[in-house]
Amino acid sequence: MSSAFTVLAHAHGKQLPAGLSLYGYVPTEWICILFIVLYALSTVAHLGQAFWYRCYWMIPTACFCGILEILGWGARTWSSHSPGLGEPYEMQLTCTILGPTPLIAATFVILGQIIEQMGTSYSRLSPKMYTVLFCSADVISLVVQAVGGSKAALSFAQGTSPVSKTDNSIKGGHIMLGGIAFQLTVITIYAICGFEFFMRYLYDRPIRDAATLQQGNVRRGTLTKGIKIQAIALIFMTTCLWIRSVYRVCELADGWTGRIITTQVFFDVLDGAMVTLSIFTLNFAHPGMLIGKPTTTVVDSEKSSLK
């Protein structure tokens, strides 16, 4: 089929000829509006929960994610009426690729809180290191994706075609691909570390003896109902965000005119729905509500010496 991308040089600031779309399809208006409403509800709820539970770190994470997604899907709604217009395409491209990154950072912080409650001796990293290390990596991926997105958007603004191998949009796409691939790697490593922690806790196999640890909750914490729900929610969120990252890697690797990026249902389900499920999961399984003060069980030395 003939692609609208071949006439992208005329897209910025004006409408393409009738029947042509920068997406390879026309975004469905009601789907876009549905996602806007869902993200708006979740974002408002997260803002209220952040103040109610005094979890202010949720504002630059979950709330910021919601705002970016609202902007992205708002741009797609605009495109449902003007699918050949450059500005909304650029806006949705940047906002939807960056949107989940702050939410991913929230999962890193939550795992650190769970580790602090259940016992740092079962984790290879301290709770603080989880936040510092993984959130720093998340920021790096955000910056790389932003640079790639701005480079691609600049190409569109200059009226050049992304099918050219030397065009900035292709280079921008490659940079974005690198950023999202790095993010996928970070999520995978984080998931492996989290899985190891939970397994070590369940089988009571600490990595380090409590006597060798200088800070944090070195004793075995009680697996309360709240922490159990939070852990299950965290696993579900991480899975959804991992699926979304895999999709984005495949999408960008397939190219601007590939079958993946030009198929609307892939984007709606594997990006929009995955992020929506994640952000709402955090509303219903909020750390401010589920993770309380540490409750620990002292492991006495006499019992340990008998093993």
C-alpha atoms as a PDB file:
ATOM      1  CA  MET A   1       0.000   0.000   0.000  1.00  0.00           C
ATOM      2  CA  SER A   2       1.085   3.565  -0.541  1.00  0.00           C
ATOM      3  CA  SER A   3       2.364   5.151   2.637  1.00  0.00           C
ATOM      4  CA  ALA A   4       1.598   8.625   3.904  1.00  0.00           C
ATOM      5  CA  PHE A   5       5.203   8.862   5.041  1.00  0.00           C
ATOM      6  CA  THR A   6       6.345   9.414   1.489  1.00  0.00           C
ATOM      7  CA  VAL A   7       4.762  12.859   1.585  1.00  0.00           C
ATOM      8  CA  LEU A   8       5.753  13.758   5.132  1.00  0.00           C
ATOM      9  CA  ALA A   9       7.707  16.690   3.784  1.00  0.00           C
ATOM     10  CA  HIS A  10       4.387  18.487   3.454  1.00  0.00           C
ATOM     11  CA  ALA A  11       3.007  17.494   6.827  1.00  0.00           C
ATOM     12  CA  HIS A  12       4.293  20.092   9.253  1.00  0.00           C
ATOM     13  CA  GLY A  13       1.855  22.901   9.827  1.00  0.00           C
ATOM     14  CA  LYS A  14      -0.702  21.770   7.280  1.00  0.00           C
ATOM     15  CA  GLN A  15      -2.934  18.877   6.347  1.00  0.00           C
ATOM     16  CA  LEU A  16      -1.812  16.133   3.999  1.00  0.00           C
ATOM     17  CA  PRO A  17      -3.974  15.330   0.981  1.00  0.00           C
ATOM     18  CA  ALA A  18      -7.256  13.600   1.827  1.00  0.00           C
ATOM     19  CA  GLY A  19      -6.911   9.941   2.748  1.00  0.00           C
ATOM     20  CA  LEU A  20      -3.281  10.194   3.858  1.00  0.00           C
ATOM     21  CA  SER A  21      -2.181   9.769   7.475  1.00  0.00           C
ATOM     22  CA  LEU A  22       1.157  10.032   9.236  1.00  0.00           C
ATOM     23  CA  TYR A  23       0.184   7.003  11.316  1.00  0.00           C
ATOM     24  CA  GLY A  24      -0.651   4.661   8.465  1.00  0.00           C
ATOM     25  CA  TYR A  25      -4.194   4.709   9.902  1.00  0.00           C
ATOM     26  CA  VAL A  26      -6.619   7.230  11.398  1.00  0.00           C
ATOM     27  CA  PRO A  27      -6.655   7.082  15.235  1.00  0.00           C
ATOM     28  CA  THR A  28     -10.113   6.099  16.498  1.00  0.00           C
ATOM     29  CA  GLU A  29     -11.555   9.093  18.319  1.00  0.00           C
ATOM     30  CA  TRP A  30     -13.570   7.280  20.993  1.00  0.00           C
ATOM     31  CA  ILE A  31     -10.598   5.122  21.959  1.00  0.00           C
ATOM     32  CA  CYS A  32      -8.424   8.216  22.368  1.00  0.00           C
ATOM     33  CA  ILE A  33     -11.082   9.950  24.475  1.00  0.00           C
ATOM     34  CA  LEU A  34     -11.491   6.818  26.609  1.00  0.00           C
ATOM     35  CA  PHE A  35      -7.781   6.765  27.422  1.00  0.00           C
ATOM     36  CA  ILE A  36      -7.813  10.504  28.200  1.00  0.00           C
ATOM     37  CA  VAL A  37     -10.666  10.011  30.677  1.00  0.00           C
ATOM     38  CA  LEU A  38      -9.007   6.987  32.291  1.00  0.00           C
ATOM     39  CA  TYR A  39      -5.636   8.708  32.680  1.00  0.00           C
ATOM     40  CA  ALA A  40      -7.306  11.868  33.995  1.00  0.00           C
ATOM     41  CA  LEU A  41      -9.215   9.908  36.643  1.00  0.00           C
ATOM     42  CA  SER A  42      -6.095   8.036  37.730  1.00  0.00           C
ATOM     43  CA  THR A  43      -3.927  11.169  37.792  1.00  0.00           C
ATOM     44  CA  VAL A  44      -6.400  13.148  39.905  1.00  0.00           C
ATOM     45  CA  ALA A  45      -6.702  10.174  42.261  1.00  0.00           C
ATOM     46  CA  HIS A  46      -2.910   9.867  42.511  1.00  0.00           C
ATOM     47  CA  LEU A  47      -2.598  13.565  43.307  1.00  0.00           C
ATOM     48  CA  GLY A  48      -5.135  13.251  46.102  1.00  0.00           C
ATOM     49  CA  GLN A  49      -3.514  10.061  47.408  1.00  0.00           C
ATOM     50  CA  ALA A  50      -0.076  11.691  47.374  1.00  0.00           C
ATOM     51  CA  PHE A  51      -1.272  14.364  49.798  1.00  0.00           C
ATOM     52  CA  TRP A  52      -3.544  12.073  51.826  1.00  0.00           C
ATOM     53  CA  TYR A  53      -0.821   9.491  52.491  1.00  0.00           C
ATOM     54  CA  ARG A  54       2.008  12.053  52.339  1.00  0.00           C
ATOM     55  CA  CYS A  55       3.681  10.111  49.555  1.00  0.00           C
ATOM     56  CA  TYR A  56       4.800  13.234  47.716  1.00  0.00           C
ATOM     57  CA  TRP A  57       7.232  11.277  45.557  1.00  0.00           C
ATOM     58  CA  MET A  58       4.179   9.971  43.690  1.00  0.00           C
ATOM     59  CA  ILE A  59       3.663  13.429  42.156  1.00  0.00           C
ATOM     60  CA  PRO A  60       6.804  13.409  39.940  1.00  0.00           C
ATOM     61  CA  THR A  61       6.272   9.712  39.188  1.00  0.00           C
ATOM     62  CA  ALA A  62       2.679   8.486  38.806  1.00  0.00           C
ATOM     63  CA  CYS A  63       1.113  11.940  38.401  1.00  0.00           C
ATOM     64  CA  PHE A  64       3.719  13.044  35.857  1.00  0.00           C
ATOM     65  CA  CYS A  65       3.164   9.823  33.919  1.00  0.00           C
ATOM     66  CA  GLY A  66      -0.567  10.527  33.824  1.00  0.00           C
ATOM     67  CA  ILE A  67      -0.048  14.083  32.581  1.00  0.00           C
ATOM     68  CA  LEU A  68       2.241  12.947  29.756  1.00  0.00           C
ATOM     69  CA  GLU A  69      -0.221  10.241  28.731  1.00  0.00           C
ATOM     70  CA  ILE A  70      -3.121  12.718  28.743  1.00  0.00           C
ATOM     71  CA  LEU A  71      -1.131  15.030  26.470  1.00  0.00           C
ATOM     72  CA  GLY A  72      -0.173  12.140  24.202  1.00  0.00           C
ATOM     73  CA  TRP A  73      -3.692  10.783  23.838  1.00  0.00           C
ATOM     74  CA  GLY A  74      -5.039  14.308  23.509  1.00  0.00           C
ATOM     75  CA  ALA A  75      -2.752  14.728  20.518  1.00  0.00           C
ATOM     76  CA  ARG A  76      -4.007  11.452  19.068  1.00  0.00           C
ATOM     77  CA  THR A  77      -7.577  12.718  19.473  1.00  0.00           C
ATOM     78  CA  TRP A  78      -6.541  15.778  17.474  1.00  0.00           C
ATOM     79  CA  SER A  79      -5.066  13.456  14.872  1.00  0.00           C
ATOM     80  CA  SER A  80      -8.353  11.559  14.629  1.00  0.00           C
ATOM     81  CA  HIS A  81      -9.681  14.686  12.914  1.00  0.00           C
ATOM     82  CA  SER A  82      -6.449  15.708  11.169  1.00  0.00           C
ATOM     83  CA  PRO A  83      -4.386  12.515  10.655  1.00  0.00           C
ATOM     84  CA  GLY A  84      -2.037  14.249   8.246  1.00  0.00           C
ATOM     85  CA  LEU A  85      -1.152  17.160  10.506  1.00  0.00           C
ATOM     86  CA  GLY A  86       2.405  17.219  11.804  1.00  0.00           C
ATOM     87  CA  GLU A  87       2.071  18.919  15.215  1.00  0.00           C
ATOM     88  CA  PRO A  88      -0.212  16.375  16.954  1.00  0.00           C
ATOM     89  CA  TYR A  89       1.802  13.495  15.516  1.00  0.00           C
ATOM     90  CA  GLU A  90       5.019  14.928  16.952  1.00  0.00           C
ATOM     91  CA  MET A  91       3.330  15.588  20.296  1.00  0.00           C
ATOM     92  CA  GLN A  92       1.885  12.088  20.703  1.00  0.00           C
ATOM     93  CA  LEU A  93       5.151  10.533  19.568  1.00  0.00           C
ATOM     94  CA  THR A  94       7.127  12.276  22.298  1.00  0.00           C
ATOM     95  CA  CYS A  95       4.580  12.101  25.128  1.00  0.00           C
ATOM     96  CA  THR A  96       3.583   8.448  24.760  1.00  0.00           C
ATOM     97  CA  ILE A  97       7.168   7.230  24.435  1.00  0.00           C
ATOM     98  CA  LEU A  98       8.226   9.142  27.572  1.00  0.00           C
ATOM     99  CA  GLY A  99       5.023   8.781  29.618  1.00  0.00           C
ATOM    100  CA  PRO A 100       5.602   5.422  31.383  1.00  0.00           C
ATOM    101  CA  THR A 101       9.174   6.263  32.420  1.00  0.00           C
ATOM    102  CA  PRO A 102       8.205   8.135  35.634  1.00  0.00           C
ATOM    103  CA  LEU A 103       5.804   5.309  36.525  1.00  0.00           C
ATOM    104  CA  ILE A 104       8.613   2.789  36.152  1.00  0.00           C
ATOM    105  CA  ALA A 105      10.622   4.867  38.633  1.00  0.00           C
ATOM    106  CA  ALA A 106       7.749   4.481  41.113  1.00  0.00           C
ATOM    107  CA  THR A 107       8.055   0.684  40.941  1.00  0.00           C
ATOM    108  CA  PHE A 108      11.751   0.960  41.825  1.00  0.00           C
ATOM    109  CA  VAL A 109      10.951   3.036  44.907  1.00  0.00           C
ATOM    110  CA  ILE A 110       8.176   0.665  46.006  1.00  0.00           C
ATOM    111  CA  LEU A 111      10.423  -2.396  45.830  1.00  0.00           C
ATOM    112  CA  GLY A 112      12.936  -0.566  47.997  1.00  0.00           C
ATOM    113  CA  GLN A 113      10.204   0.107  50.563  1.00  0.00           C
ATOM    114  CA  ILE A 114       9.149  -3.542  50.562  1.00  0.00           C
ATOM    115  CA  ILE A 115      12.747  -4.655  51.072  1.00  0.00           C
ATOM    116  CA  GLU A 116      13.130  -2.243  53.972  1.00  0.00           C
ATOM    117  CA  GLN A 117      10.050  -3.753  55.614  1.00  0.00           C
ATOM    118  CA  MET A 118      10.803  -7.425  54.968  1.00  0.00           C
ATOM    119  CA  GLY A 119      14.541  -7.444  55.629  1.00  0.00           C
ATOM    120  CA  THR A 120      17.536  -6.032  53.766  1.00  0.00           C
ATOM    121  CA  SER A 121      19.593  -9.161  54.414  1.00  0.00           C
ATOM    122  CA  TYR A 122      17.636 -10.914  51.639  1.00  0.00           C
ATOM    123  CA  SER A 123      18.525  -8.305  49.032  1.00  0.00           C
ATOM    124  CA  ARG A 124      21.728  -7.773  47.081  1.00  0.00           C
ATOM    125  CA  LEU A 125      21.118  -4.020  47.150  1.00  0.00           C
ATOM    126  CA  SER A 126      20.002  -1.756  49.963  1.00  0.00           C
ATOM    127  CA  PRO A 127      16.607  -0.036  49.615  1.00  0.00           C
ATOM    128  CA  LYS A 128      18.387   3.265  49.030  1.00  0.00           C
ATOM    129  CA  MET A 129      20.536   1.744  46.301  1.00  0.00           C
ATOM    130  CA  TYR A 130      17.453   0.411  44.515  1.00  0.00           C
ATOM    131  CA  THR A 131      16.095   3.945  44.381  1.00  0.00           C
ATOM    132  CA  VAL A 132      19.372   5.619  43.442  1.00  0.00           C
ATOM    133  CA  LEU A 133      20.691   3.047  40.966  1.00  0.00           C
ATOM    134  CA  PHE A 134      17.542   2.091  39.089  1.00  0.00           C
ATOM    135  CA  CYS A 135      15.978   5.559  39.132  1.00  0.00           C
ATOM    136  CA  SER A 136      19.238   7.014  37.790  1.00  0.00           C
ATOM    137  CA  ALA A 137      19.170   4.471  34.974  1.00  0.00           C
ATOM    138  CA  ASP A 138      15.521   5.377  34.366  1.00  0.00           C
ATOM    139  CA  VAL A 139      16.438   9.062  34.070  1.00  0.00           C
ATOM    140  CA  ILE A 140      19.182   8.194  31.576  1.00  0.00           C
ATOM    141  CA  SER A 141      16.707   6.257  29.433  1.00  0.00           C
ATOM    142  CA  LEU A 142      14.282   9.186  29.679  1.00  0.00           C
ATOM    143  CA  VAL A 143      16.920  11.636  28.462  1.00  0.00           C
ATOM    144  CA  VAL A 144      17.983   9.378  25.588  1.00  0.00           C
ATOM    145  CA  GLN A 145      14.374   8.858  24.490  1.00  0.00           C
ATOM    146  CA  ALA A 146      13.706  12.603  24.756  1.00  0.00           C
ATOM    147  CA  VAL A 147      16.744  13.388  22.599  1.00  0.00           C
ATOM    148  CA  GLY A 148      15.641  10.861  20.002  1.00  0.00           C
ATOM    149  CA  GLY A 149      12.070  12.127  20.055  1.00  0.00           C
ATOM    150  CA  SER A 150      13.120  15.746  19.665  1.00  0.00           C
ATOM    151  CA  LYS A 151      15.447  14.821  16.808  1.00  0.00           C
ATOM    152  CA  ALA A 152      12.645  13.004  15.000  1.00  0.00           C
ATOM    153  CA  ALA A 153      10.230  15.877  15.683  1.00  0.00           C
ATOM    154  CA  LEU A 154      12.800  18.364  14.358  1.00  0.00           C
ATOM    155  CA  SER A 155      13.012  16.367  11.168  1.00  0.00           C
ATOM    156  CA  PHE A 156       9.245  16.521  10.768  1.00  0.00           C
ATOM    157  CA  ALA A 157       9.334  20.262  11.445  1.00  0.00           C
ATOM    158  CA  GLN A 158      11.901  20.720   8.689  1.00  0.00           C
ATOM    159  CA  GLY A 159       9.597  18.895   6.285  1.00  0.00           C
ATOM    160  CA  THR A 160      11.883  15.973   5.498  1.00  0.00           C
ATOM    161  CA  SER A 161      10.839  12.401   4.867  1.00  0.00           C
ATOM    162  CA  PRO A 162      11.645   9.641   7.381  1.00  0.00           C
ATOM    163  CA  VAL A 163      12.108   7.078   4.617  1.00  0.00           C
ATOM    164  CA  SER A 164      15.477   8.627   3.827  1.00  0.00           C
ATOM    165  CA  LYS A 165      18.270   6.705   5.527  1.00  0.00           C
ATOM    166  CA  THR A 166      20.209   9.890   6.223  1.00  0.00           C
ATOM    167  CA  ASP A 167      17.244  11.786   7.629  1.00  0.00           C
ATOM    168  CA  ASN A 168      17.111  13.018  11.207  1.00  0.00           C
ATOM    169  CA  SER A 169      13.884  11.124  11.808  1.00  0.00           C
ATOM    170  CA  ILE A 170      15.653   7.828  11.138  1.00  0.00           C
ATOM    171  CA  LYS A 171      18.519   8.834  13.417  1.00  0.00           C
ATOM    172  CA  GLY A 172      16.002  10.011  15.996  1.00  0.00           C
ATOM    173  CA  GLY A 173      14.208   6.687  15.756  1.00  0.00           C
ATOM    174  CA  HIS A 174      17.461   4.835  16.339  1.00  0.00           C
ATOM    175  CA  ILE A 175      18.226   6.990  19.390  1.00  0.00           C
ATOM    176  CA  MET A 176      14.727   6.386  20.759  1.00  0.00           C
ATOM    177  CA  LEU A 177      15.181   2.674  20.130  1.00  0.00           C
ATOM    178  CA  GLY A 178      18.432   2.742  22.083  1.00  0.00           C
ATOM    179  CA  GLY A 179      16.742   4.540  24.972  1.00  0.00           C
ATOM    180  CA  ILE A 180      13.767   2.189  25.181  1.00  0.00           C
ATOM    181  CA  ALA A 181      16.020  -0.882  24.766  1.00  0.00           C
ATOM    182  CA  PHE A 182      18.148   0.376  27.657  1.00  0.00           C
ATOM    183  CA  GLN A 183      14.983   0.886  29.689  1.00  0.00           C
ATOM    184  CA  LEU A 184      13.852  -2.659  28.889  1.00  0.00           C
ATOM    185  CA  THR A 185      17.221  -3.965  30.066  1.00  0.00           C
ATOM    186  CA  VAL A 186      16.933  -1.998  33.312  1.00  0.00           C
ATOM    187  CA  ILE A 187      13.408  -3.319  33.962  1.00  0.00           C
ATOM    188  CA  THR A 188      14.588  -6.874  33.302  1.00  0.00           C
ATOM    189  CA  ILE A 189      17.534  -6.586  35.713  1.00  0.00           C
ATOM    190  CA  TYR A 190      15.258  -4.988  38.308  1.00  0.00           C
ATOM    191  CA  ALA A 191      12.732  -7.812  37.914  1.00  0.00           C
ATOM    192  CA  ILE A 192      15.459 -10.434  38.360  1.00  0.00           C
ATOM    193  CA  CYS A 193      16.741  -8.715  41.513  1.00  0.00           C
ATOM    194  CA  GLY A 194      13.208  -8.443  42.869  1.00  0.00           C
ATOM    195  CA  PHE A 195      12.465 -12.091  42.097  1.00  0.00           C
ATOM    196  CA  GLU A 196      15.627 -13.188  43.885  1.00  0.00           C
ATOM    197  CA  PHE A 197      14.711 -11.102  46.929  1.00  0.00           C
ATOM    198  CA  PHE A 198      11.237 -12.609  47.221  1.00  0.00           C
ATOM    199  CA  MET A 199      12.549 -16.153  46.767  1.00  0.00           C
ATOM    200  CA  ARG A 200      15.240 -15.654  49.394  1.00  0.00           C
ATOM    201  CA  TYR A 201      12.691 -14.216  51.803  1.00  0.00           C
ATOM    202  CA  LEU A 202      10.193 -17.041  51.265  1.00  0.00           C
ATOM    203  CA  TYR A 203      12.868 -19.719  51.782  1.00  0.00           C
ATOM    204  CA  ASP A 204      14.644 -17.691  54.499  1.00  0.00           C
ATOM    205  CA  ARG A 205      18.014 -17.658  52.758  1.00  0.00           C
ATOM    206  CA  PRO A 206      19.626 -14.276  53.456  1.00  0.00           C
ATOM    207  CA  ILE A 207      22.514 -13.148  51.300  1.00  0.00           C
ATOM    208  CA  ARG A 208      24.391 -11.649  54.242  1.00  0.00           C
ATOM    209  CA  ASP A 209      24.390 -12.347  57.938  1.00  0.00           C
ATOM    210  CA  ALA A 210      22.571  -9.710  59.960  1.00  0.00           C
ATOM    211  CA  ALA A 211      25.758  -8.993  61.916  1.00  0.00           C
ATOM    212  CA  THR A 212      27.530  -7.826  58.761  1.00  0.00           C
ATOM    213  CA  LEU A 213      24.885  -5.215  57.924  1.00  0.00           C
ATOM    214  CA  GLN A 214      25.275  -1.745  59.392  1.00  0.00           C
ATOM    215  CA  GLN A 215      21.940  -0.160  58.471  1.00  0.00           C
ATOM    216  CA  GLY A 216      18.376  -0.886  57.479  1.00  0.00           C
ATOM    217  CA  ASN A 217      16.016  -3.550  58.728  1.00  0.00           C
ATOM    218  CA  VAL A 218      18.379  -6.523  58.952  1.00  0.00           C
ATOM    219  CA  ARG A 219      15.857  -8.750  60.707  1.00  0.00           C
ATOM    220  CA  ARG A 220      13.214 -10.838  58.998  1.00  0.00           C
ATOM    221  CA  GLY A 221      10.095  -8.705  58.606  1.00  0.00           C
ATOM    222  CA  THR A 222       6.560 -10.034  58.851  1.00  0.00           C
ATOM    223  CA  LEU A 223       4.823 -10.613  55.533  1.00  0.00           C
ATOM    224  CA  THR A 224       1.656  -8.697  56.331  1.00  0.00           C
ATOM    225  CA  LYS A 225      -1.473  -8.825  54.180  1.00  0.00           C
ATOM    226  CA  GLY A 226      -0.776  -5.275  53.009  1.00  0.00           C
ATOM    227  CA  ILE A 227       2.774  -6.041  51.898  1.00  0.00           C
ATOM    228  CA  LYS A 228       1.599  -9.228  50.180  1.00  0.00           C
ATOM    229  CA  ILE A 229      -1.008  -7.274  48.180  1.00  0.00           C
ATOM    230  CA  GLN A 230       1.574  -4.605  47.370  1.00  0.00           C
ATOM    231  CA  ALA A 231       4.051  -7.235  46.178  1.00  0.00           C
ATOM    232  CA  ILE A 232       1.455  -8.890  43.919  1.00  0.00           C
ATOM    233  CA  ALA A 233       0.468  -5.485  42.532  1.00  0.00           C
ATOM    234  CA  LEU A 234       4.125  -4.633  41.941  1.00  0.00           C
ATOM    235  CA  ILE A 235       4.683  -7.876  40.027  1.00  0.00           C
ATOM    236  CA  PHE A 236       1.614  -7.178  37.884  1.00  0.00           C
ATOM    237  CA  MET A 237       2.694  -3.584  37.190  1.00  0.00           C
ATOM    238  CA  THR A 238       6.216  -4.617  36.291  1.00  0.00           C
ATOM    239  CA  THR A 239       4.898  -7.287  33.919  1.00  0.00           C
ATOM    240  CA  CYS A 240       2.640  -4.779  32.139  1.00  0.00           C
ATOM    241  CA  LEU A 241       5.416  -2.199  31.810  1.00  0.00           C
ATOM    242  CA  TRP A 242       7.837  -4.877  30.604  1.00  0.00           C
ATOM    243  CA  ILE A 243       5.356  -5.975  27.907  1.00  0.00           C
ATOM    244  CA  ARG A 244       4.943  -2.358  26.856  1.00  0.00           C
ATOM    245  CA  SER A 245       8.720  -1.893  26.586  1.00  0.00           C
ATOM    246  CA  VAL A 246       9.080  -5.059  24.491  1.00  0.00           C
ATOM    247  CA  TYR A 247       6.374  -3.759  22.165  1.00  0.00           C
ATOM    248  CA  ARG A 248       8.072  -0.378  21.826  1.00  0.00           C
ATOM    249  CA  VAL A 249      11.425  -1.974  21.044  1.00  0.00           C
ATOM    250  CA  CYS A 250       9.827  -4.117  18.329  1.00  0.00           C
ATOM    251  CA  GLU A 251       7.889  -1.124  17.002  1.00  0.00           C
ATOM    252  CA  LEU A 252      10.904   1.149  16.632  1.00  0.00           C
ATOM    253  CA  ALA A 253      13.117  -1.661  15.326  1.00  0.00           C
ATOM    254  CA  ASP A 254      10.494  -2.312  12.634  1.00  0.00           C
ATOM    255  CA  GLY A 255      10.841   1.265  11.377  1.00  0.00           C
ATOM    256  CA  TRP A 256       8.544   4.236  10.816  1.00  0.00           C
ATOM    257  CA  THR A 257       6.695   2.498   7.989  1.00  0.00           C
ATOM    258  CA  GLY A 258       6.695  -1.008   9.485  1.00  0.00           C
ATOM    259  CA  ARG A 259       3.615  -3.120  10.106  1.00  0.00           C
ATOM    260  CA  ILE A 260       3.828  -2.746  13.886  1.00  0.00           C
ATOM    261  CA  ILE A 261       3.809   1.057  14.072  1.00  0.00           C
ATOM    262  CA  THR A 262       1.100   1.310  11.394  1.00  0.00           C
ATOM    263  CA  THR A 263      -1.303  -1.088  13.183  1.00  0.00           C
ATOM    264  CA  GLN A 264      -3.500   0.795  15.638  1.00  0.00           C
ATOM    265  CA  VAL A 265      -4.652  -2.162  17.744  1.00  0.00           C
ATOM    266  CA  PHE A 266      -1.051  -2.999  18.654  1.00  0.00           C
ATOM    267  CA  PHE A 267      -0.526   0.487  20.064  1.00  0.00           C
ATOM    268  CA  ASP A 268      -3.877   0.628  21.857  1.00  0.00           C
ATOM    269  CA  VAL A 269      -3.443  -2.746  23.569  1.00  0.00           C
ATOM    270  CA  LEU A 270       0.313  -3.115  24.061  1.00  0.00           C
ATOM    271  CA  ASP A 271       1.030   0.504  24.975  1.00  0.00           C
ATOM    272  CA  GLY A 272      -2.132   2.304  26.052  1.00  0.00           C
ATOM    273  CA  ALA A 273      -3.794  -0.579  27.885  1.00  0.00           C
ATOM    274  CA  MET A 274      -0.591  -1.785  29.570  1.00  0.00           C
ATOM    275  CA  VAL A 275       0.214   1.644  31.011  1.00  0.00           C
ATOM    276  CA  THR A 276      -3.429   2.178  32.018  1.00  0.00           C
ATOM    277  CA  LEU A 277      -3.501  -1.113  33.920  1.00  0.00           C
ATOM    278  CA  SER A 278      -0.234  -0.219  35.645  1.00  0.00           C
ATOM    279  CA  ILE A 279      -1.216   3.268  36.776  1.00  0.00           C
ATOM    280  CA  PHE A 280      -4.643   2.130  38.028  1.00  0.00           C
ATOM    281  CA  THR A 281      -3.091  -0.806  39.864  1.00  0.00           C
ATOM    282  CA  LEU A 282      -1.054   1.712  41.825  1.00  0.00           C
ATOM    283  CA  ASN A 283      -4.252   3.606  42.689  1.00  0.00           C
ATOM    284  CA  PHE A 284      -5.876   0.523  44.201  1.00  0.00           C
ATOM    285  CA  ALA A 285      -2.673  -0.910  45.671  1.00  0.00           C
ATOM    286  CA  HIS A 286      -1.145   2.303  46.953  1.00  0.00           C
ATOM    287  CA  PRO A 287       2.054   2.026  49.026  1.00  0.00           C
ATOM    288  CA  GLY A 288       0.829   4.722  51.398  1.00  0.00           C
ATOM    289  CA  MET A 289      -2.114   2.499  52.262  1.00  0.00           C
ATOM    290  CA  LEU A 290      -0.513  -0.952  52.149  1.00  0.00           C
ATOM    291  CA  ILE A 291       3.052  -0.489  53.422  1.00  0.00           C
ATOM    292  CA  GLY A 292       3.052   0.425  57.098  1.00  0.00           C
ATOM    293  CA  LYS A 293       5.723   0.629  59.754  1.00  0.00           C
ATOM    294  CA  PRO A 294       8.264  -2.202  60.006  1.00  0.00           C
ATOM    295  CA  THR A 295       7.170  -5.279  61.914  1.00  0.00           C
ATOM    296  CA  THR A 296      10.052  -7.672  62.450  1.00  0.00           C
ATOM    297  CA  THR A 297      10.763 -10.962  64.048  1.00  0.00           C
ATOM    298  CA  VAL A 298      14.098 -11.168  65.847  1.00  0.00           C
ATOM    299  CA  VAL A 299      16.135 -14.145  64.723  1.00  0.00           C
ATOM    300  CA  ASP A 300      17.900 -15.232  67.904  1.00  0.00           C
ATOM    301  CA  SER A 301      21.451 -16.446  67.701  1.00  0.00           C
ATOM    302  CA  GLU A 302      20.708 -19.628  69.638  1.00  0.00           C
ATOM    303  CA  LYS A 303      18.229 -20.827  67.009  1.00  0.00           C
ATOM    304  CA  SER A 304      20.644 -19.967  64.244  1.00  0.00           C
ATOM    305  CA  SER A 305      23.493 -21.837  65.900  1.00  0.00           C
ATOM    306  CA  LEU A 306      21.484 -25.073  66.011  1.00  0.00           C
ATOM    307  CA  LYS A 307      21.152 -25.165  62.221  1.00  0.00           C
END
